[in-house]
PDB file of N, CA and C in Angstrom:
ATOM      1  N   UNK A   1     102.670  85.190 101.925  1.00  0.00           N
ATOM      2  CA  UNK A   1     102.754  86.506 102.568  1.00  0.00           C
ATOM      3  C   UNK A   1     103.359  86.553 104.034  1.00  0.00           C
ATOM      4  N   UNK A   2     104.363  86.864 103.846  1.00  0.00           N
ATOM      5  CA  UNK A   2     104.968  86.777 105.433  1.00  0.00           C
ATOM      6  C   UNK A   2     104.574  88.189 106.642  1.00  0.00           C
ATOM      7  N   UNK A   3     104.284  89.354 106.017  1.00  0.00           N
ATOM      8  CA  UNK A   3     103.588  90.645 106.732  1.00  0.00           C
ATOM      9  C   UNK A   3     102.875  90.630 106.910  1.00  0.00           C
ATOM     10  N   UNK A   4     101.668  89.567 107.358  1.00  0.00           N
ATOM     11  CA  UNK A   4     100.307  89.803 107.068  1.00  0.00           C
ATOM     12  C   UNK A   4     100.101  90.486 108.561  1.00  0.00           C
ATOM     13  N   UNK A   5     100.740  90.230 109.464  1.00  0.00           N
ATOM     14  CA  UNK A   5     100.507  90.557 110.809  1.00  0.00           C
ATOM     15  C   UNK A   5     100.751  92.185 111.316  1.00  0.00           C
ATOM     16  N   UNK A   6     102.104  92.687 110.043  1.00  0.00           N
ATOM     17  CA  UNK A   6     102.056  93.961 110.179  1.00  0.00           C
ATOM     18  C   UNK A   6     100.999  95.155 109.228  1.00  0.00           C
ATOM     19  N   UNK A   7     100.406  94.428 108.576  1.00  0.00           N
ATOM     20  CA  UNK A   7      99.328  95.186 107.811  1.00  0.00           C
ATOM     21  C   UNK A   7      97.947  95.767 108.681  1.00  0.00           C
ATOM     22  N   UNK A   8      98.182  97.020 108.384  1.00  0.00           N
ATOM     23  CA  UNK A   8      96.990  97.967 109.276  1.00  0.00           C
ATOM     24  C   UNK A   8      95.609  97.379 108.595  1.00  0.00           C
ATOM     25  N   UNK A   9      94.803  97.239 109.548  1.00  0.00           N
ATOM     26  CA  UNK A   9      93.373  96.754 109.114  1.00  0.00           C
ATOM     27  C   UNK A   9      92.758  97.639 108.346  1.00  0.00           C
ATOM     28  N   UNK A  10      92.135  97.427 107.400  1.00  0.00           N
ATOM     29  CA  UNK A  10      91.469  98.089 106.418  1.00  0.00           C
ATOM     30  C   UNK A  10      90.114  98.515 106.845  1.00  0.00           C
ATOM     31  N   UNK A  11      89.991  99.924 106.723  1.00  0.00           N
ATOM     32  CA  UNK A  11      88.607 100.402 107.648  1.00  0.00           C
ATOM     33  C   UNK A  11      87.758 100.031 106.222  1.00  0.00           C
ATOM     34  N   UNK A  12      86.278 100.451 107.169  1.00  0.00           N
ATOM     35  CA  UNK A  12      85.201 100.026 106.418  1.00  0.00           C
ATOM     36  C   UNK A  12      84.970 101.393 105.095  1.00  0.00           C
ATOM     37  N   UNK A  13      85.278 102.783 105.467  1.00  0.00           N
ATOM     38  CA  UNK A  13      85.488 103.225 104.388  1.00  0.00           C
ATOM     39  C   UNK A  13      86.762 104.374 104.411  1.00  0.00           C
ATOM     40  N   UNK A  14      86.894 104.653 102.575  1.00  0.00           N
ATOM     41  CA  UNK A  14      88.655 104.560 102.921  1.00  0.00           C
ATOM     42  C   UNK A  14      88.530 105.634 101.533  1.00  0.00           C
ATOM     43  N   UNK A  15      89.431 106.875 101.670  1.00  0.00           N
ATOM     44  CA  UNK A  15      89.047 107.451 100.646  1.00  0.00           C
ATOM     45  C   UNK A  15      90.797 108.006 100.041  1.00  0.00           C
ATOM     46  N   UNK A  16      91.204 108.221  99.056  1.00  0.00           N
ATOM     47  CA  UNK A  16      92.621 108.372  98.254  1.00  0.00           C
ATOM     48  C   UNK A  16      92.788 109.374  98.436  1.00  0.00           C
ATOM     49  N   UNK A  17      91.582 110.679  99.120  1.00  0.00           N
ATOM     50  CA  UNK A  17      91.852 112.025  98.769  1.00  0.00           C
ATOM     51  C   UNK A  17      92.773 112.668 100.302  1.00  0.00           C
ATOM     52  N   UNK A  18      93.959 112.870 100.564  1.00  0.00           N
ATOM     53  CA  UNK A  18      94.073 113.521 101.701  1.00  0.00           C
ATOM     54  C   UNK A  18      93.522 114.145 102.794  1.00  0.00           C
ATOM     55  N   UNK A  19      92.948 115.014 101.600  1.00  0.00           N
ATOM     56  CA  UNK A  19      91.909 116.224 102.190  1.00  0.00           C
ATOM     57  C   UNK A  19      90.906 115.633 103.430  1.00  0.00           C
ATOM     58  N   UNK A  20      90.470 114.318 102.725  1.00  0.00           N
ATOM     59  CA  UNK A  20      89.484 113.861 103.353  1.00  0.00           C
ATOM     60  C   UNK A  20      89.484 113.322 104.671  1.00  0.00           C
ATOM     61  N   UNK A  21      88.497 113.356 105.203  1.00  0.00           N
ATOM     62  CA  UNK A  21      88.785 112.447 106.874  1.00  0.00           C
ATOM     63  C   UNK A  21      88.483 111.438 106.881  1.00  0.00           C
ATOM     64  N   UNK A  22      88.513 110.491 105.633  1.00  0.00           N
ATOM     65  CA  UNK A  22      88.430 108.907 105.605  1.00  0.00           C
ATOM     66  C   UNK A  22      89.874 108.773 104.932  1.00  0.00           C
ATOM     67  N   UNK A  23      90.676 109.602 104.685  1.00  0.00           N
ATOM     68  CA  UNK A  23      92.089 109.134 104.339  1.00  0.00           C
ATOM     69  C   UNK A  23      92.507 108.721 105.592  1.00  0.00           C
ATOM     70  N   UNK A  24      93.547 107.303 105.433  1.00  0.00           N
ATOM     71  CA  UNK A  24      94.481 106.717 106.452  1.00  0.00           C
ATOM     72  C   UNK A  24      95.779 106.587 105.401  1.00  0.00           C
ATOM     73  N   UNK A  25      96.820 107.273 106.228  1.00  0.00           N
ATOM     74  CA  UNK A  25      98.227 107.491 104.738  1.00  0.00           C
ATOM     75  C   UNK A  25      98.135 105.617 105.109  1.00  0.00           C
ATOM     76  N   UNK A  26      98.498 105.160 106.156  1.00  0.00           N
ATOM     77  CA  UNK A  26      99.116 103.822 106.910  1.00  0.00           C
ATOM     78  C   UNK A  26      98.393 103.175 105.775  1.00  0.00           C
ATOM     79  N   UNK A  27      97.179 102.576 105.183  1.00  0.00           N
ATOM     80  CA  UNK A  27      97.085 101.725 104.768  1.00  0.00           C
ATOM     81  C   UNK A  27      97.540 101.759 103.205  1.00  0.00           C
ATOM     82  N   UNK A  28      97.731 103.226 102.753  1.00  0.00           N
ATOM     83  CA  UNK A  28      98.338 103.122 101.303  1.00  0.00           C
ATOM     84  C   UNK A  28      99.937 103.157 101.105  1.00  0.00           C
ATOM     85  N   UNK A  29     100.364 102.717 102.483  1.00  0.00           N
ATOM     86  CA  UNK A  29     102.023 102.264 102.353  1.00  0.00           C
ATOM     87  C   UNK A  29     101.856 100.843 101.583  1.00  0.00           C
ATOM     88  N   UNK A  30     100.768 100.107 101.857  1.00  0.00           N
ATOM     89  CA  UNK A  30     100.866  98.664 100.950  1.00  0.00           C
ATOM     90  C   UNK A  30      99.348  98.852  99.655  1.00  0.00           C
ATOM     91  N   UNK A  31      99.668  97.578  98.995  1.00  0.00           N
ATOM     92  CA  UNK A  31      99.103  97.829  97.904  1.00  0.00           C
ATOM     93  C   UNK A  31      97.855  97.367  98.181  1.00  0.00           C
ATOM     94  N   UNK A  32      96.448  98.221  97.978  1.00  0.00           N
ATOM     95  CA  UNK A  32      95.181  97.694  98.074  1.00  0.00           C
ATOM     96  C   UNK A  32      94.393  97.590  97.031  1.00  0.00           C
ATOM     97  N   UNK A  33      93.435  96.208  96.782  1.00  0.00           N
ATOM     98  CA  UNK A  33      92.115  96.105  96.022  1.00  0.00           C
ATOM     99  C   UNK A  33      91.016  96.350  96.267  1.00  0.00           C
ATOM    100  N   UNK A  34      90.274  96.405  95.633  1.00  0.00           N
ATOM    101  CA  UNK A  34      88.928  96.139  95.511  1.00  0.00           C
ATOM    102  C   UNK A  34      88.177  95.688  94.625  1.00  0.00           C
ATOM    103  N   UNK A  35      87.262  94.800  95.046  1.00  0.00           N
ATOM    104  CA  UNK A  35      86.514  94.510  94.270  1.00  0.00           C
ATOM    105  C   UNK A  35      85.227  94.712  94.342  1.00  0.00           C
ATOM    106  N   UNK A  36      83.863  95.092  93.346  1.00  0.00           N
ATOM    107  CA  UNK A  36      82.965  95.481  93.275  1.00  0.00           C
ATOM    108  C   UNK A  36      82.123  94.710  92.364  1.00  0.00           C
ATOM    109  N   UNK A  37      80.908  93.762  93.114  1.00  0.00           N
ATOM    110  CA  UNK A  37      80.103  92.424  92.736  1.00  0.00           C
ATOM    111  C   UNK A  37      80.999  91.656  91.779  1.00  0.00           C
ATOM    112  N   UNK A  38      82.367  91.637  92.417  1.00  0.00           N
ATOM    113  CA  UNK A  38      83.219  90.119  92.283  1.00  0.00           C
ATOM    114  C   UNK A  38      83.934  90.636  91.271  1.00  0.00           C
ATOM    115  N   UNK A  39      84.218  91.782  90.456  1.00  0.00           N
ATOM    116  CA  UNK A  39      84.947  92.033  89.509  1.00  0.00           C
ATOM    117  C   UNK A  39      86.177  93.582  90.367  1.00  0.00           C
ATOM    118  N   UNK A  40      87.314  93.028  90.026  1.00  0.00           N
ATOM    119  CA  UNK A  40      88.107  93.961  90.495  1.00  0.00           C
ATOM    120  C   UNK A  40      88.522  95.386  90.070  1.00  0.00           C
ATOM    121  N   UNK A  41      88.236  96.665  90.481  1.00  0.00           N
ATOM    122  CA  UNK A  41      88.536  97.762  90.384  1.00  0.00           C
ATOM    123  C   UNK A  41      89.645  98.539  90.378  1.00  0.00           C
ATOM    124  N   UNK A  42      90.624  99.082  89.124  1.00  0.00           N
ATOM    125  CA  UNK A  42      91.567  99.746  89.386  1.00  0.00           C
ATOM    126  C   UNK A  42      91.356 101.390  89.586  1.00  0.00           C
ATOM    127  N   UNK A  43      90.063 102.001  89.340  1.00  0.00           N
ATOM    128  CA  UNK A  43      89.767 103.452  89.471  1.00  0.00           C
ATOM    129  C   UNK A  43      88.729 103.683  90.589  1.00  0.00           C
ATOM    130  N   UNK A  44      89.225 102.769  91.633  1.00  0.00           N
ATOM    131  CA  UNK A  44      88.223 103.519  92.633  1.00  0.00           C
ATOM    132  C   UNK A  44      89.034 104.646  93.554  1.00  0.00           C
ATOM    133  N   UNK A  45      88.452 105.966  93.707  1.00  0.00           N
ATOM    134  CA  UNK A  45      88.637 106.576  94.448  1.00  0.00           C
ATOM    135  C   UNK A  45      88.326 106.677  96.183  1.00  0.00           C
ATOM    136  N   UNK A  46      87.155 105.888  96.218  1.00  0.00           N
ATOM    137  CA  UNK A  46      86.336 106.330  97.862  1.00  0.00           C
ATOM    138  C   UNK A  46      85.353 105.126  97.770  1.00  0.00           C
ATOM    139  N   UNK A  47      85.336 104.378  98.929  1.00  0.00           N
ATOM    140  CA  UNK A  47      85.018 103.086  98.977  1.00  0.00           C
ATOM    141  C   UNK A  47      84.251 102.913 100.442  1.00  0.00           C
ATOM    142  N   UNK A  48      83.148 102.641 100.800  1.00  0.00           N
ATOM    143  CA  UNK A  48      82.227 102.408 101.688  1.00  0.00           C
ATOM    144  C   UNK A  48      81.259 100.769 101.835  1.00  0.00           C
ATOM    145  N   UNK A  49      82.201  99.886 102.613  1.00  0.00           N
ATOM    146  CA  UNK A  49      81.872  98.184 102.832  1.00  0.00           C
ATOM    147  C   UNK A  49      80.759  98.227 103.508  1.00  0.00           C
ATOM    148  N   UNK A  50      80.248  98.804 104.357  1.00  0.00           N
ATOM    149  CA  UNK A  50      78.961  98.619 105.325  1.00  0.00           C
ATOM    150  C   UNK A  50      77.716  99.192 104.402  1.00  0.00           C
ATOM    151  N   UNK A  51      77.926 100.382 103.878  1.00  0.00           N
ATOM    152  CA  UNK A  51      76.863 100.808 102.736  1.00  0.00           C
ATOM    153  C   UNK A  51      76.815 100.423 101.438  1.00  0.00           C
ATOM    154  N   UNK A  52      78.204  99.402 100.669  1.00  0.00           N
ATOM    155  CA  UNK A  52      78.078  99.009 100.003  1.00  0.00           C
ATOM    156  C   UNK A  52      78.092 100.164  98.404  1.00  0.00           C
ATOM    157  N   UNK A  53      78.921 100.839  98.576  1.00  0.00           N
ATOM    158  CA  UNK A  53      79.115 101.834  97.286  1.00  0.00           C
ATOM    159  C   UNK A  53      80.873 101.872  97.300  1.00  0.00           C
ATOM    160  N   UNK A  54      81.104 102.743  96.089  1.00  0.00           N
ATOM    161  CA  UNK A  54      82.587 102.954  95.684  1.00  0.00           C
ATOM    162  C   UNK A  54      82.135 104.050  94.516  1.00  0.00           C
ATOM    163  N   UNK A  55      83.218 105.139  94.879  1.00  0.00           N
ATOM    164  CA  UNK A  55      83.110 106.461  93.789  1.00  0.00           C
ATOM    165  C   UNK A  55      84.151 106.015  93.101  1.00  0.00           C
ATOM    166  N   UNK A  56      84.065 106.527  91.777  1.00  0.00           N
ATOM    167  CA  UNK A  56      84.779 106.344  90.610  1.00  0.00           C
ATOM    168  C   UNK A  56      84.673 107.872  89.854  1.00  0.00           C
ATOM    169  N   UNK A  57      85.960 108.050  88.839  1.00  0.00           N
ATOM    170  CA  UNK A  57      85.805 109.527  87.817  1.00  0.00           C
ATOM    171  C   UNK A  57      84.955 109.091  86.956  1.00  0.00           C
ATOM    172  N   UNK A  58      84.419 109.941  86.586  1.00  0.00           N
ATOM    173  CA  UNK A  58      83.129 109.937  85.544  1.00  0.00           C
ATOM    174  C   UNK A  58      83.684 110.492  84.303  1.00  0.00           C
ATOM    175  N   UNK A  59      85.172 109.794  83.956  1.00  0.00           N
ATOM    176  CA  UNK A  59      85.806 110.200  82.404  1.00  0.00           C
ATOM    177  C   UNK A  59      86.728 110.997  82.634  1.00  0.00           C
ATOM    178  N   UNK A  60      87.101 112.012  81.761  1.00  0.00           N
ATOM    179  CA  UNK A  60      88.093 113.035  81.907  1.00  0.00           C
ATOM    180  C   UNK A  60      87.336 114.659  82.733  1.00  0.00           C
ATOM    181  N   UNK A  61      85.821 114.308  82.785  1.00  0.00           N
ATOM    182  CA  UNK A  61      84.946 115.338  83.572  1.00  0.00           C
ATOM    183  C   UNK A  61      85.757 116.196  84.933  1.00  0.00           C
ATOM    184  N   UNK A  62      85.753 117.243  85.132  1.00  0.00           N
ATOM    185  CA  UNK A  62      86.682 118.031  85.992  1.00  0.00           C
ATOM    186  C   UNK A  62      85.341 118.792  86.647  1.00  0.00           C
ATOM    187  N   UNK A  63      85.527 119.017  87.924  1.00  0.00           N
ATOM    188  CA  UNK A  63      84.819 119.812  88.886  1.00  0.00           C
ATOM    189  C   UNK A  63      85.476 121.514  88.461  1.00  0.00           C
ATOM    190  N   UNK A  64      84.745 122.574  89.530  1.00  0.00           N
ATOM    191  CA  UNK A  64      85.309 123.616  89.054  1.00  0.00           C
ATOM    192  C   UNK A  64      86.598 123.631  89.725  1.00  0.00           C
ATOM    193  N   UNK A  65      86.874 122.953  90.633  1.00  0.00           N
ATOM    194  CA  UNK A  65      88.111 123.062  91.563  1.00  0.00           C
ATOM    195  C   UNK A  65      89.420 121.994  90.762  1.00  0.00           C
ATOM    196  N   UNK A  66      88.891 121.473  89.717  1.00  0.00           N
ATOM    197  CA  UNK A  66      90.028 120.799  88.747  1.00  0.00           C
ATOM    198  C   UNK A  66      90.354 119.426  89.347  1.00  0.00           C
ATOM    199  N   UNK A  67      89.454 119.201  90.259  1.00  0.00           N
ATOM    200  CA  UNK A  67      89.292 117.646  90.809  1.00  0.00           C
ATOM    201  C   UNK A  67      88.280 116.876  89.885  1.00  0.00           C
ATOM    202  N   UNK A  68      88.701 115.299  89.514  1.00  0.00           N
ATOM    203  CA  UNK A  68      87.655 114.466  89.090  1.00  0.00           C
ATOM    204  C   UNK A  68      86.069 114.416  89.311  1.00  0.00           C
ATOM    205  N   UNK A  69      85.160 114.360  88.767  1.00  0.00           N
ATOM    206  CA  UNK A  69      83.972 114.494  89.158  1.00  0.00           C
ATOM    207  C   UNK A  69      83.513 113.076  89.408  1.00  0.00           C
ATOM    208  N   UNK A  70      83.185 112.636  90.280  1.00  0.00           N
ATOM    209  CA  UNK A  70      83.114 111.289  90.978  1.00  0.00           C
ATOM    210  C   UNK A  70      81.637 110.885  90.309  1.00  0.00           C
ATOM    211  N   UNK A  71      81.507 109.741  90.340  1.00  0.00           N
ATOM    212  CA  UNK A  71      80.136 108.516  90.534  1.00  0.00           C
ATOM    213  C   UNK A  71      79.885 107.583  91.527  1.00  0.00           C
ATOM    214  N   UNK A  72      78.932 107.319  92.016  1.00  0.00           N
ATOM    215  CA  UNK A  72      78.563 106.274  92.777  1.00  0.00           C
ATOM    216  C   UNK A  72      78.124 105.059  92.550  1.00  0.00           C
ATOM    217  N   UNK A  73      78.684 103.865  92.926  1.00  0.00           N
ATOM    218  CA  UNK A  73      78.222 102.443  92.292  1.00  0.00           C
ATOM    219  C   UNK A  73      77.666 101.787  93.513  1.00  0.00           C
ATOM    220  N   UNK A  74      76.897 100.936  93.300  1.00  0.00           N
ATOM    221  CA  UNK A  74      76.488 100.051  94.500  1.00  0.00           C
ATOM    222  C   UNK A  74      76.505  98.634  94.160  1.00  0.00           C
ATOM    223  N   UNK A  75      77.009  98.419  95.262  1.00  0.00           N
ATOM    224  CA  UNK A  75      76.790  96.650  95.176  1.00  0.00           C
ATOM    225  C   UNK A  75      77.784  96.348  96.017  1.00  0.00           C
ATOM    226  N   UNK A  76      78.333  94.378  95.943  1.00  0.00           N
ATOM    227  CA  UNK A  76      78.684  94.168  97.157  1.00  0.00           C
ATOM    228  C   UNK A  76      80.416  94.647  97.503  1.00  0.00           C
ATOM    229  N   UNK A  77      81.030  95.382  98.116  1.00  0.00           N
ATOM    230  CA  UNK A  77      82.567  96.150  98.079  1.00  0.00           C
ATOM    231  C   UNK A  77      83.310  94.981  98.929  1.00  0.00           C
ATOM    232  N   UNK A  78      84.084  94.721  98.361  1.00  0.00           N
ATOM    233  CA  UNK A  78      85.341  94.158  99.206  1.00  0.00           C
ATOM    234  C   UNK A  78      86.593  94.166  99.142  1.00  0.00           C
ATOM    235  N   UNK A  79      87.617  95.132  99.939  1.00  0.00           N
ATOM    236  CA  UNK A  79      88.512  95.348  99.967  1.00  0.00           C
ATOM    237  C   UNK A  79      89.876  94.633 100.720  1.00  0.00           C
ATOM    238  N   UNK A  80      90.803  94.399  99.955  1.00  0.00           N
ATOM    239  CA  UNK A  80      91.638  93.530 100.349  1.00  0.00           C
ATOM    240  C   UNK A  80      93.429  94.263 100.055  1.00  0.00           C
ATOM    241  N   UNK A  81      94.262  93.437 100.712  1.00  0.00           N
ATOM    242  CA  UNK A  81      95.533  93.411 100.491  1.00  0.00           C
ATOM    243  C   UNK A  81      96.563  92.778  99.476  1.00  0.00           C
ATOM    244  N   UNK A  82      96.830  93.630  98.134  1.00  0.00           N
ATOM    245  CA  UNK A  82      97.122  92.478  97.170  1.00  0.00           C
ATOM    246  C   UNK A  82      98.874  91.644  97.418  1.00  0.00           C
TER     247      UNK A  82
END
């Protein structure tokens, strides 16, 4: 990968929801991968490396505002650029 110096550093906590204070648009210009307990996950909505959790949708369940209902999974979290 030639452009590794151009990639912004991955934050400790990141959310894909643009309304969240933990959303960093510059990071999403590149493909980001998340591993939980050494297994790569494709459905991560938010993560926190220092606290060791990710949030994923709970099936097709929606909250009253129409957003996916999220559940928190704990373990060893790793974020990386693909």
